[in-house]
Amino acid sequence: MSVPTTTDLLAAARRGDEDAFRRLVEPFRADLHALCYRMLGSVQDAEDALQDALLRAWRGLPRFEERASLRTWLHRIATNASLDLSARRLKRVLPIDYGPPGDPHDGPGEPLIESVWVEPYPDEHLGYEQRESVELAFVAALQHLPPNQRAVLILREVLGYSAREVAEALDTTVASVNSALQRARKAIGERLPQRSQQATARSLGDRRMREMVASYVDAWERGDVEALAAMLSDEALIAMPPMASWFAGREEVAAFLQWAFDQRRGQGARIVPSRANGQLAFGSYRWDDAAQAFRAHVLQVVTLDDEGRITDLTGFVDGSLFPSFGLPAELR
């Protein structure tokens, strides 16, 4: 039995075959979801935008004239679905962009009810070359751009479309696209570190990265603040969405970690290495007396400098995130 071609699937989908449509778009799903996430800074919002985009594509198949590739057509639809959704959502930020640093001795404070935080992204379905464009700093920086500039930058710099193709996708002019791109590059360049985490990991090498992971897990599980502080850069930051508090500087971060370990009252913790946003990540588990198990608590996303020191530690305090990152809900 022959495997249906893209042309075959497209023809069947146009006749109303939903399974053919699913098979037609499935190879692009991960790429489209990542595009929506870059635009919106939220996994759930990205899923909503993607579902809207696929519905628009299904309904729009009779008008697809194949002047552009299917990939280009789907990217155009997903971008516009994301733009429409962003107009109805709060801007996503990290705590460092929400307010000034706090006093680490006061603890993290209360969580915000509003959904205002950039969320971590499970990148296991993305190719290695795509992970740089979902790094936490890059996605957070994107959220500070006006939506049209964000779309232009993603389509031009990340997805590689020409100015003419972007102008057609956004129903604007080439001159407007070029102007938006220039402004976006300037604005985002002011917020990004000099090197990506992909480049940093390559320069450190696999052995150094494995050693760092092992040392981090060991120090955290033992509650060794001194060992963790030795792994921090002088300007290290720690933040804990959905709490708005964040703390800056090695001594301040160490003071907060001491406060956090004191709250455990000797019950210990378990740390499991993972990945998120193309970066090192760790699932942190805390003891639950009722369950008599360690329960998922914080997904820690770690940013390193060229010396392998931690510059940013963003702990997403939401155990429900763990399954998306291949982490169990509890450890016994």
C-alpha atoms as a PDB file:
ATOM      1  CA  MET A   1       0.000   0.000   0.000  1.00  0.00           C
ATOM      2  CA  SER A   2       1.489   3.326  -1.075  1.00  0.00           C
ATOM      3  CA  VAL A   3       2.005   6.147   1.410  1.00  0.00           C
ATOM      4  CA  PRO A   4      -0.179   9.152   0.542  1.00  0.00           C
ATOM      5  CA  THR A   5       1.716  12.230  -0.584  1.00  0.00           C
ATOM      6  CA  THR A   6       1.142  15.757   0.656  1.00  0.00           C
ATOM      7  CA  THR A   7      -0.868  16.378  -2.499  1.00  0.00           C
ATOM      8  CA  ASP A   8      -3.028  13.336  -1.785  1.00  0.00           C
ATOM      9  CA  LEU A   9      -3.624  14.397   1.814  1.00  0.00           C
ATOM     10  CA  LEU A  10      -4.407  17.957   0.794  1.00  0.00           C
ATOM     11  CA  ALA A  11      -6.954  16.785  -1.769  1.00  0.00           C
ATOM     12  CA  ALA A  12      -8.584  14.457   0.760  1.00  0.00           C
ATOM     13  CA  ALA A  13      -8.674  17.173   3.422  1.00  0.00           C
ATOM     14  CA  ARG A  14     -10.354  19.521   0.990  1.00  0.00           C
ATOM     15  CA  ARG A  15     -13.037  16.877   0.512  1.00  0.00           C
ATOM     16  CA  GLY A  16     -13.699  16.971   4.253  1.00  0.00           C
ATOM     17  CA  ASP A  17     -11.421  14.154   5.439  1.00  0.00           C
ATOM     18  CA  GLU A  18     -10.452  15.227   8.984  1.00  0.00           C
ATOM     19  CA  ASP A  19      -7.928  12.411   9.401  1.00  0.00           C
ATOM     20  CA  ALA A  20      -6.153  13.514   6.227  1.00  0.00           C
ATOM     21  CA  PHE A  21      -6.013  17.056   7.578  1.00  0.00           C
ATOM     22  CA  ARG A  22      -4.568  15.827  10.874  1.00  0.00           C
ATOM     23  CA  ARG A  23      -1.864  13.874   9.028  1.00  0.00           C
ATOM     24  CA  LEU A  24      -1.209  16.869   6.801  1.00  0.00           C
ATOM     25  CA  VAL A  25      -0.501  19.293   9.640  1.00  0.00           C
ATOM     26  CA  GLU A  26       1.036  16.908  12.188  1.00  0.00           C
ATOM     27  CA  PRO A  27       4.631  17.344  10.920  1.00  0.00           C
ATOM     28  CA  PHE A  28       4.301  21.096  11.577  1.00  0.00           C
ATOM     29  CA  ARG A  29       2.567  20.946  14.974  1.00  0.00           C
ATOM     30  CA  ALA A  30       5.663  21.267  17.200  1.00  0.00           C
ATOM     31  CA  ASP A  31       7.025  24.119  15.097  1.00  0.00           C
ATOM     32  CA  LEU A  32       3.691  25.936  15.149  1.00  0.00           C
ATOM     33  CA  HIS A  33       3.313  25.483  18.899  1.00  0.00           C
ATOM     34  CA  ALA A  34       6.801  26.925  19.470  1.00  0.00           C
ATOM     35  CA  LEU A  35       5.941  29.905  17.255  1.00  0.00           C
ATOM     36  CA  CYS A  36       2.801  30.577  19.321  1.00  0.00           C
ATOM     37  CA  TYR A  37       4.789  30.217  22.557  1.00  0.00           C
ATOM     38  CA  ARG A  38       7.378  32.761  21.409  1.00  0.00           C
ATOM     39  CA  MET A  39       4.561  35.140  20.557  1.00  0.00           C
ATOM     40  CA  LEU A  40       2.627  34.662  23.818  1.00  0.00           C
ATOM     41  CA  GLY A  41       5.116  33.521  26.482  1.00  0.00           C
ATOM     42  CA  SER A  42       2.640  30.947  27.794  1.00  0.00           C
ATOM     43  CA  VAL A  43       2.296  27.241  27.032  1.00  0.00           C
ATOM     44  CA  GLN A  44      -1.463  27.279  27.625  1.00  0.00           C
ATOM     45  CA  ASP A  45      -1.980  30.414  25.536  1.00  0.00           C
ATOM     46  CA  ALA A  46       0.179  28.842  22.824  1.00  0.00           C
ATOM     47  CA  GLU A  47      -2.055  25.775  22.844  1.00  0.00           C
ATOM     48  CA  ASP A  48      -5.161  27.970  22.573  1.00  0.00           C
ATOM     49  CA  ALA A  49      -3.645  29.926  19.678  1.00  0.00           C
ATOM     50  CA  LEU A  50      -2.569  26.728  17.938  1.00  0.00           C
ATOM     51  CA  GLN A  51      -6.035  25.203  18.174  1.00  0.00           C
ATOM     52  CA  ASP A  52      -7.530  28.410  16.782  1.00  0.00           C
ATOM     53  CA  ALA A  53      -4.935  28.409  13.970  1.00  0.00           C
ATOM     54  CA  LEU A  54      -5.681  24.790  13.028  1.00  0.00           C
ATOM     55  CA  LEU A  55      -9.411  25.517  12.966  1.00  0.00           C
ATOM     56  CA  ARG A  56      -8.767  28.518  10.704  1.00  0.00           C
ATOM     57  CA  ALA A  57      -6.583  26.348   8.468  1.00  0.00           C
ATOM     58  CA  TRP A  58      -9.265  23.639   8.243  1.00  0.00           C
ATOM     59  CA  ARG A  59     -11.901  26.169   7.306  1.00  0.00           C
ATOM     60  CA  GLY A  60      -9.544  27.975   4.939  1.00  0.00           C
ATOM     61  CA  LEU A  61      -8.348  24.964   2.936  1.00  0.00           C
ATOM     62  CA  PRO A  62     -10.606  25.764  -0.055  1.00  0.00           C
ATOM     63  CA  ARG A  63      -8.841  29.149  -0.290  1.00  0.00           C
ATOM     64  CA  PHE A  64      -5.304  27.723  -0.045  1.00  0.00           C
ATOM     65  CA  GLU A  65      -3.967  28.314  -3.564  1.00  0.00           C
ATOM     66  CA  GLU A  66      -0.521  26.735  -2.976  1.00  0.00           C
ATOM     67  CA  ARG A  67       1.294  29.871  -4.127  1.00  0.00           C
ATOM     68  CA  ALA A  68       3.225  29.516  -0.873  1.00  0.00           C
ATOM     69  CA  SER A  69       4.274  26.263   0.805  1.00  0.00           C
ATOM     70  CA  LEU A  70       1.980  24.614   3.332  1.00  0.00           C
ATOM     71  CA  ARG A  71       4.540  25.469   6.049  1.00  0.00           C
ATOM     72  CA  THR A  72       4.465  29.153   5.126  1.00  0.00           C
ATOM     73  CA  TRP A  73       0.671  29.191   4.989  1.00  0.00           C
ATOM     74  CA  LEU A  74       0.376  27.567   8.429  1.00  0.00           C
ATOM     75  CA  HIS A  75       2.971  29.903   9.948  1.00  0.00           C
ATOM     76  CA  ARG A  76       1.017  32.873   8.622  1.00  0.00           C
ATOM     77  CA  ILE A  77      -2.219  31.605  10.177  1.00  0.00           C
ATOM     78  CA  ALA A  78      -0.576  30.764  13.517  1.00  0.00           C
ATOM     79  CA  THR A  79       1.088  34.175  13.709  1.00  0.00           C
ATOM     80  CA  ASN A  80      -2.178  35.990  13.165  1.00  0.00           C
ATOM     81  CA  ALA A  81      -4.027  33.734  15.626  1.00  0.00           C
ATOM     82  CA  SER A  82      -1.347  34.600  18.207  1.00  0.00           C
ATOM     83  CA  LEU A  83      -1.648  38.311  17.459  1.00  0.00           C
ATOM     84  CA  ASP A  84      -5.409  38.144  17.953  1.00  0.00           C
ATOM     85  CA  LEU A  85      -5.018  36.284  21.256  1.00  0.00           C
ATOM     86  CA  SER A  86      -2.293  38.614  22.541  1.00  0.00           C
ATOM     87  CA  ALA A  87      -4.722  41.519  22.182  1.00  0.00           C
ATOM     88  CA  ARG A  88      -6.961  39.812  24.771  1.00  0.00           C
ATOM     89  CA  ARG A  89      -4.262  38.701  27.229  1.00  0.00           C
ATOM     90  CA  LEU A  90      -2.052  40.439  29.785  1.00  0.00           C
ATOM     91  CA  LYS A  91       1.581  40.870  28.819  1.00  0.00           C
ATOM     92  CA  ARG A  92       3.736  38.056  30.216  1.00  0.00           C
ATOM     93  CA  VAL A  93       6.829  39.007  32.219  1.00  0.00           C
ATOM     94  CA  LEU A  94       9.263  37.570  34.756  1.00  0.00           C
ATOM     95  CA  PRO A  95       9.361  38.931  38.320  1.00  0.00           C
ATOM     96  CA  ILE A  96      12.488  41.007  37.585  1.00  0.00           C
ATOM     97  CA  ASP A  97      10.356  43.061  35.166  1.00  0.00           C
ATOM     98  CA  TYR A  98       7.410  43.306  37.556  1.00  0.00           C
ATOM     99  CA  GLY A  99       8.907  45.200  40.489  1.00  0.00           C
ATOM    100  CA  PRO A 100      12.060  45.855  42.547  1.00  0.00           C
ATOM    101  CA  PRO A 101      13.980  43.092  44.379  1.00  0.00           C
ATOM    102  CA  GLY A 102      12.854  42.125  47.858  1.00  0.00           C
ATOM    103  CA  ASP A 103      14.447  41.255  51.178  1.00  0.00           C
ATOM    104  CA  PRO A 104      15.369  37.546  51.133  1.00  0.00           C
ATOM    105  CA  HIS A 105      14.707  37.225  54.850  1.00  0.00           C
ATOM    106  CA  ASP A 106      11.018  37.943  54.220  1.00  0.00           C
ATOM    107  CA  GLY A 107      10.560  34.866  52.037  1.00  0.00           C
ATOM    108  CA  PRO A 108       8.859  34.820  48.627  1.00  0.00           C
ATOM    109  CA  GLY A 109       5.542  36.391  49.639  1.00  0.00           C
ATOM    110  CA  GLU A 110       2.123  35.478  48.297  1.00  0.00           C
ATOM    111  CA  PRO A 111       1.473  34.322  44.718  1.00  0.00           C
ATOM    112  CA  LEU A 112      -0.266  36.639  42.295  1.00  0.00           C
ATOM    113  CA  ILE A 113      -3.657  35.481  41.119  1.00  0.00           C
ATOM    114  CA  GLU A 114      -3.317  37.123  37.704  1.00  0.00           C
ATOM    115  CA  SER A 115      -1.678  35.149  34.925  1.00  0.00           C
ATOM    116  CA  VAL A 116       1.148  37.572  34.191  1.00  0.00           C
ATOM    117  CA  TRP A 117       4.206  35.317  34.169  1.00  0.00           C
ATOM    118  CA  VAL A 118       6.217  33.915  31.302  1.00  0.00           C
ATOM    119  CA  GLU A 119       5.922  30.138  31.557  1.00  0.00           C
ATOM    120  CA  PRO A 120       8.592  27.444  31.061  1.00  0.00           C
ATOM    121  CA  TYR A 121       8.552  25.491  27.811  1.00  0.00           C
ATOM    122  CA  PRO A 122       9.122  21.749  27.255  1.00  0.00           C
ATOM    123  CA  ASP A 123      11.453  21.677  24.267  1.00  0.00           C
ATOM    124  CA  GLU A 124      11.943  17.926  23.770  1.00  0.00           C
ATOM    125  CA  HIS A 125      10.175  17.981  20.395  1.00  0.00           C
ATOM    126  CA  LEU A 126      12.278  20.840  19.020  1.00  0.00           C
ATOM    127  CA  GLY A 127      15.449  20.367  17.007  1.00  0.00           C
ATOM    128  CA  TYR A 128      18.719  21.430  18.607  1.00  0.00           C
ATOM    129  CA  GLU A 129      18.975  24.465  16.344  1.00  0.00           C
ATOM    130  CA  GLN A 130      15.509  25.655  17.450  1.00  0.00           C
ATOM    131  CA  ARG A 131      16.159  25.633  21.195  1.00  0.00           C
ATOM    132  CA  GLU A 132      18.035  28.928  21.248  1.00  0.00           C
ATOM    133  CA  SER A 133      14.863  30.692  20.147  1.00  0.00           C
ATOM    134  CA  VAL A 134      12.856  29.403  23.124  1.00  0.00           C
ATOM    135  CA  GLU A 135      15.443  30.224  25.791  1.00  0.00           C
ATOM    136  CA  LEU A 136      13.838  31.933  28.762  1.00  0.00           C
ATOM    137  CA  ALA A 137      15.692  35.244  28.370  1.00  0.00           C
ATOM    138  CA  PHE A 138      14.795  35.450  24.670  1.00  0.00           C
ATOM    139  CA  VAL A 139      11.095  34.664  25.186  1.00  0.00           C
ATOM    140  CA  ALA A 140      10.893  37.113  28.104  1.00  0.00           C
ATOM    141  CA  ALA A 141      12.572  39.810  26.009  1.00  0.00           C
ATOM    142  CA  LEU A 142      10.129  39.192  23.156  1.00  0.00           C
ATOM    143  CA  GLN A 143       7.198  39.973  25.439  1.00  0.00           C
ATOM    144  CA  HIS A 144       8.440  43.546  25.855  1.00  0.00           C
ATOM    145  CA  LEU A 145       8.076  44.218  22.136  1.00  0.00           C
ATOM    146  CA  PRO A 146       4.837  45.494  20.626  1.00  0.00           C
ATOM    147  CA  PRO A 147       3.024  42.473  19.138  1.00  0.00           C
ATOM    148  CA  ASN A 148       3.690  43.450  15.518  1.00  0.00           C
ATOM    149  CA  GLN A 149       7.424  43.865  16.172  1.00  0.00           C
ATOM    150  CA  ARG A 150       7.437  40.525  17.982  1.00  0.00           C
ATOM    151  CA  ALA A 151       5.824  38.844  14.977  1.00  0.00           C
ATOM    152  CA  VAL A 152       8.236  40.461  12.525  1.00  0.00           C
ATOM    153  CA  LEU A 153      11.294  39.474  14.548  1.00  0.00           C
ATOM    154  CA  ILE A 154      10.154  35.863  14.914  1.00  0.00           C
ATOM    155  CA  LEU A 155       9.204  35.460  11.273  1.00  0.00           C
ATOM    156  CA  ARG A 156      12.371  37.137   9.967  1.00  0.00           C
ATOM    157  CA  GLU A 157      15.078  36.153  12.459  1.00  0.00           C
ATOM    158  CA  VAL A 158      13.835  32.815  13.816  1.00  0.00           C
ATOM    159  CA  LEU A 159      11.888  31.318  10.926  1.00  0.00           C
ATOM    160  CA  GLY A 160      13.884  32.897   8.127  1.00  0.00           C
ATOM    161  CA  TYR A 161      11.170  34.483   6.010  1.00  0.00           C
ATOM    162  CA  SER A 162      11.913  37.344   3.649  1.00  0.00           C
ATOM    163  CA  ALA A 163      10.609  40.853   4.264  1.00  0.00           C
ATOM    164  CA  ARG A 164       8.187  40.399   1.395  1.00  0.00           C
ATOM    165  CA  GLU A 165       6.800  37.148   2.814  1.00  0.00           C
ATOM    166  CA  VAL A 166       6.388  38.725   6.255  1.00  0.00           C
ATOM    167  CA  ALA A 167       4.650  41.737   4.755  1.00  0.00           C
ATOM    168  CA  GLU A 168       2.169  39.420   3.029  1.00  0.00           C
ATOM    169  CA  ALA A 169       1.615  37.428   6.227  1.00  0.00           C
ATOM    170  CA  LEU A 170       0.895  40.545   8.286  1.00  0.00           C
ATOM    171  CA  ASP A 171      -0.908  42.465   5.535  1.00  0.00           C
ATOM    172  CA  THR A 172       1.538  45.353   5.588  1.00  0.00           C
ATOM    173  CA  THR A 173       4.377  46.773   3.498  1.00  0.00           C
ATOM    174  CA  VAL A 174       7.986  45.703   3.137  1.00  0.00           C
ATOM    175  CA  ALA A 175       9.063  49.127   4.384  1.00  0.00           C
ATOM    176  CA  SER A 176       6.969  48.677   7.536  1.00  0.00           C
ATOM    177  CA  VAL A 177       8.443  45.222   8.110  1.00  0.00           C
ATOM    178  CA  ASN A 178      12.010  46.498   7.752  1.00  0.00           C
ATOM    179  CA  SER A 179      11.336  49.397  10.087  1.00  0.00           C
ATOM    180  CA  ALA A 180       9.717  47.127  12.700  1.00  0.00           C
ATOM    181  CA  LEU A 181      12.605  44.690  12.459  1.00  0.00           C
ATOM    182  CA  GLN A 182      15.174  47.408  13.051  1.00  0.00           C
ATOM    183  CA  ARG A 183      13.356  48.646  16.160  1.00  0.00           C
ATOM    184  CA  ALA A 184      12.818  45.127  17.450  1.00  0.00           C
ATOM    185  CA  ARG A 185      16.470  44.167  17.047  1.00  0.00           C
ATOM    186  CA  LYS A 186      17.567  47.230  18.983  1.00  0.00           C
ATOM    187  CA  ALA A 187      15.072  46.722  21.809  1.00  0.00           C
ATOM    188  CA  ILE A 188      15.664  43.020  22.253  1.00  0.00           C
ATOM    189  CA  GLY A 189      19.444  43.353  22.004  1.00  0.00           C
ATOM    190  CA  GLU A 190      19.383  45.510  25.117  1.00  0.00           C
ATOM    191  CA  ARG A 191      17.744  42.717  27.118  1.00  0.00           C
ATOM    192  CA  LEU A 192      19.625  39.624  25.983  1.00  0.00           C
ATOM    193  CA  PRO A 193      22.864  38.219  27.444  1.00  0.00           C
ATOM    194  CA  GLN A 194      25.882  38.232  25.145  1.00  0.00           C
ATOM    195  CA  ARG A 195      25.773  34.475  24.580  1.00  0.00           C
ATOM    196  CA  SER A 196      22.916  32.035  24.340  1.00  0.00           C
ATOM    197  CA  GLN A 197      22.672  29.050  26.664  1.00  0.00           C
ATOM    198  CA  GLN A 198      23.291  26.789  23.677  1.00  0.00           C
ATOM    199  CA  ALA A 199      26.605  28.499  22.981  1.00  0.00           C
ATOM    200  CA  THR A 200      27.485  28.500  26.677  1.00  0.00           C
ATOM    201  CA  ALA A 201      26.809  24.761  26.977  1.00  0.00           C
ATOM    202  CA  ARG A 202      28.991  24.049  23.935  1.00  0.00           C
ATOM    203  CA  SER A 203      31.872  26.094  25.354  1.00  0.00           C
ATOM    204  CA  LEU A 204      31.647  24.399  28.761  1.00  0.00           C
ATOM    205  CA  GLY A 205      31.505  20.926  27.248  1.00  0.00           C
ATOM    206  CA  ASP A 206      29.535  17.844  28.238  1.00  0.00           C
ATOM    207  CA  ARG A 207      31.843  16.795  31.070  1.00  0.00           C
ATOM    208  CA  ARG A 208      31.727  20.182  32.781  1.00  0.00           C
ATOM    209  CA  MET A 209      27.948  20.307  32.415  1.00  0.00           C
ATOM    210  CA  ARG A 210      27.554  16.829  33.933  1.00  0.00           C
ATOM    211  CA  GLU A 211      29.756  17.818  36.848  1.00  0.00           C
ATOM    212  CA  MET A 212      27.727  20.972  37.409  1.00  0.00           C
ATOM    213  CA  VAL A 213      24.454  19.018  37.388  1.00  0.00           C
ATOM    214  CA  ALA A 214      25.776  16.444  39.856  1.00  0.00           C
ATOM    215  CA  SER A 215      27.148  19.122  42.207  1.00  0.00           C
ATOM    216  CA  TYR A 216      23.904  21.089  42.078  1.00  0.00           C
ATOM    217  CA  VAL A 217      21.723  18.068  42.838  1.00  0.00           C
ATOM    218  CA  ASP A 218      23.994  16.995  45.702  1.00  0.00           C
ATOM    219  CA  ALA A 219      24.171  20.458  47.293  1.00  0.00           C
ATOM    220  CA  TRP A 220      20.426  21.045  47.004  1.00  0.00           C
ATOM    221  CA  GLU A 221      19.441  17.693  48.440  1.00  0.00           C
ATOM    222  CA  ARG A 222      21.815  18.173  51.375  1.00  0.00           C
ATOM    223  CA  GLY A 223      20.614  21.729  51.922  1.00  0.00           C
ATOM    224  CA  ASP A 224      24.201  22.982  51.611  1.00  0.00           C
ATOM    225  CA  VAL A 225      23.803  26.737  51.138  1.00  0.00           C
ATOM    226  CA  GLU A 226      27.551  27.333  51.122  1.00  0.00           C
ATOM    227  CA  ALA A 227      28.062  24.875  48.262  1.00  0.00           C
ATOM    228  CA  LEU A 228      25.202  26.399  46.277  1.00  0.00           C
ATOM    229  CA  ALA A 229      26.452  29.933  46.899  1.00  0.00           C
ATOM    230  CA  ALA A 230      29.831  28.889  45.477  1.00  0.00           C
ATOM    231  CA  MET A 231      28.049  28.000  42.233  1.00  0.00           C
ATOM    232  CA  LEU A 232      26.501  31.467  41.869  1.00  0.00           C
ATOM    233  CA  SER A 233      27.836  34.465  39.981  1.00  0.00           C
ATOM    234  CA  ASP A 234      28.248  37.695  41.944  1.00  0.00           C
ATOM    235  CA  GLU A 235      25.139  39.168  40.266  1.00  0.00           C
ATOM    236  CA  ALA A 236      22.994  36.029  40.503  1.00  0.00           C
ATOM    237  CA  LEU A 237      19.214  36.421  40.558  1.00  0.00           C
ATOM    238  CA  ILE A 238      16.515  34.135  41.906  1.00  0.00           C
ATOM    239  CA  ALA A 239      12.786  34.425  41.160  1.00  0.00           C
ATOM    240  CA  MET A 240       9.808  32.196  41.934  1.00  0.00           C
ATOM    241  CA  PRO A 241       6.718  32.777  39.793  1.00  0.00           C
ATOM    242  CA  PRO A 242       3.822  33.015  40.645  1.00  0.00           C
ATOM    243  CA  MET A 243       5.349  34.985  43.530  1.00  0.00           C
ATOM    244  CA  ALA A 244       6.374  38.481  42.485  1.00  0.00           C
ATOM    245  CA  SER A 245       9.425  38.546  44.781  1.00  0.00           C
ATOM    246  CA  TRP A 246      12.939  38.170  43.435  1.00  0.00           C
ATOM    247  CA  PHE A 247      16.361  38.594  44.985  1.00  0.00           C
ATOM    248  CA  ALA A 248      19.606  39.852  43.500  1.00  0.00           C
ATOM    249  CA  GLY A 249      23.239  39.197  44.376  1.00  0.00           C
ATOM    250  CA  ARG A 250      25.059  36.113  45.654  1.00  0.00           C
ATOM    251  CA  GLU A 251      24.622  36.981  49.338  1.00  0.00           C
ATOM    252  CA  GLU A 252      20.931  37.784  48.948  1.00  0.00           C
ATOM    253  CA  VAL A 253      20.246  34.602  46.991  1.00  0.00           C
ATOM    254  CA  ALA A 254      22.150  32.570  49.580  1.00  0.00           C
ATOM    255  CA  ALA A 255      20.130  34.203  52.355  1.00  0.00           C
ATOM    256  CA  PHE A 256      16.899  33.247  50.636  1.00  0.00           C
ATOM    257  CA  LEU A 257      18.088  29.676  50.081  1.00  0.00           C
ATOM    258  CA  GLN A 258      18.919  29.463  53.777  1.00  0.00           C
ATOM    259  CA  TRP A 259      15.413  30.695  54.577  1.00  0.00           C
ATOM    260  CA  ALA A 260      13.938  28.099  52.189  1.00  0.00           C
ATOM    261  CA  PHE A 261      15.977  25.237  53.649  1.00  0.00           C
ATOM    262  CA  ASP A 262      14.998  26.290  57.157  1.00  0.00           C
ATOM    263  CA  GLN A 263      11.335  25.882  56.165  1.00  0.00           C
ATOM    264  CA  ARG A 264      11.976  22.233  55.284  1.00  0.00           C
ATOM    265  CA  ARG A 265      12.694  21.501  58.949  1.00  0.00           C
ATOM    266  CA  GLY A 266      15.068  18.681  58.127  1.00  0.00           C
ATOM    267  CA  GLN A 267      12.642  16.852  55.830  1.00  0.00           C
ATOM    268  CA  GLY A 268      15.021  16.939  52.869  1.00  0.00           C
ATOM    269  CA  ALA A 269      14.276  17.267  49.187  1.00  0.00           C
ATOM    270  CA  ARG A 270      14.765  15.382  45.955  1.00  0.00           C
ATOM    271  CA  ILE A 271      16.092  16.989  42.769  1.00  0.00           C
ATOM    272  CA  VAL A 272      15.724  15.433  39.305  1.00  0.00           C
ATOM    273  CA  PRO A 273      17.582  16.905  36.297  1.00  0.00           C
ATOM    274  CA  SER A 274      15.489  17.896  33.293  1.00  0.00           C
ATOM    275  CA  ARG A 275      15.464  20.468  30.503  1.00  0.00           C
ATOM    276  CA  ALA A 276      13.258  23.486  29.772  1.00  0.00           C
ATOM    277  CA  ASN A 277      13.540  26.327  27.272  1.00  0.00           C
ATOM    278  CA  GLY A 278      16.693  24.745  25.839  1.00  0.00           C
ATOM    279  CA  GLN A 279      18.362  25.102  29.249  1.00  0.00           C
ATOM    280  CA  LEU A 280      19.255  23.072  32.283  1.00  0.00           C
ATOM    281  CA  ALA A 281      16.269  22.509  34.519  1.00  0.00           C
ATOM    282  CA  PHE A 282      15.561  20.567  37.680  1.00  0.00           C
ATOM    283  CA  GLY A 283      12.409  19.196  39.210  1.00  0.00           C
ATOM    284  CA  SER A 284      12.415  19.938  42.936  1.00  0.00           C
ATOM    285  CA  TYR A 285      10.342  17.672  45.188  1.00  0.00           C
ATOM    286  CA  ARG A 286       9.418  18.299  48.825  1.00  0.00           C
ATOM    287  CA  TRP A 287       8.231  15.848  51.445  1.00  0.00           C
ATOM    288  CA  ASP A 288       4.476  15.421  51.912  1.00  0.00           C
ATOM    289  CA  ASP A 289       3.525  13.753  55.200  1.00  0.00           C
ATOM    290  CA  ALA A 290       0.017  12.905  54.049  1.00  0.00           C
ATOM    291  CA  ALA A 291       1.230  11.142  50.897  1.00  0.00           C
ATOM    292  CA  GLN A 292       4.357   9.764  52.582  1.00  0.00           C
ATOM    293  CA  ALA A 293       6.223  10.743  49.422  1.00  0.00           C
ATOM    294  CA  PHE A 294       8.161  13.582  47.865  1.00  0.00           C
ATOM    295  CA  ARG A 295       5.694  15.627  45.790  1.00  0.00           C
ATOM    296  CA  ALA A 296       6.429  17.795  42.768  1.00  0.00           C
ATOM    297  CA  HIS A 297       6.947  21.369  43.924  1.00  0.00           C
ATOM    298  CA  VAL A 298       9.205  23.669  41.847  1.00  0.00           C
ATOM    299  CA  LEU A 299      10.526  23.458  38.287  1.00  0.00           C
ATOM    300  CA  GLN A 300      13.878  25.247  38.413  1.00  0.00           C
ATOM    301  CA  VAL A 301      15.232  26.692  35.161  1.00  0.00           C
ATOM    302  CA  VAL A 302      18.928  27.547  35.394  1.00  0.00           C
ATOM    303  CA  THR A 303      20.952  30.050  33.352  1.00  0.00           C
ATOM    304  CA  LEU A 304      24.753  29.785  33.293  1.00  0.00           C
ATOM    305  CA  ASP A 305      27.564  32.146  32.361  1.00  0.00           C
ATOM    306  CA  ASP A 306      30.716  31.218  30.415  1.00  0.00           C
ATOM    307  CA  GLU A 307      32.427  30.087  33.619  1.00  0.00           C
ATOM    308  CA  GLY A 308      29.608  27.686  34.458  1.00  0.00           C
ATOM    309  CA  ARG A 309      28.298  29.866  37.281  1.00  0.00           C
ATOM    310  CA  ILE A 310      24.575  30.341  37.824  1.00  0.00           C
ATOM    311  CA  THR A 311      23.384  33.809  36.831  1.00  0.00           C
ATOM    312  CA  ASP A 312      19.637  33.206  36.994  1.00  0.00           C
ATOM    313  CA  LEU A 313      17.587  30.652  38.869  1.00  0.00           C
ATOM    314  CA  THR A 314      13.900  30.826  38.000  1.00  0.00           C
ATOM    315  CA  GLY A 315      11.794  28.490  40.077  1.00  0.00           C
ATOM    316  CA  PHE A 316       8.280  27.969  38.735  1.00  0.00           C
ATOM    317  CA  VAL A 317       6.304  26.981  41.827  1.00  0.00           C
ATOM    318  CA  ASP A 318       3.755  24.716  40.178  1.00  0.00           C
ATOM    319  CA  GLY A 319       3.938  20.958  40.536  1.00  0.00           C
ATOM    320  CA  SER A 320       1.356  20.506  37.767  1.00  0.00           C
ATOM    321  CA  LEU A 321       4.049  21.503  35.246  1.00  0.00           C
ATOM    322  CA  PHE A 322       6.133  18.385  35.873  1.00  0.00           C
ATOM    323  CA  PRO A 323       4.438  15.860  33.523  1.00  0.00           C
ATOM    324  CA  SER A 324       5.046  18.152  30.534  1.00  0.00           C
ATOM    325  CA  PHE A 325       8.769  17.908  31.263  1.00  0.00           C
ATOM    326  CA  GLY A 326       8.830  14.139  31.664  1.00  0.00           C
ATOM    327  CA  LEU A 327       8.977  14.357  35.456  1.00  0.00           C
ATOM    328  CA  PRO A 328       6.857  12.219  37.814  1.00  0.00           C
ATOM    329  CA  ALA A 329       4.320  13.811  40.142  1.00  0.00           C
ATOM    330  CA  GLU A 330       5.897  12.156  43.174  1.00  0.00           C
ATOM    331  CA  LEU A 331       8.918  10.180  44.320  1.00  0.00           C
ATOM    332  CA  ARG A 332       8.898   7.522  47.032  1.00  0.00           C
END
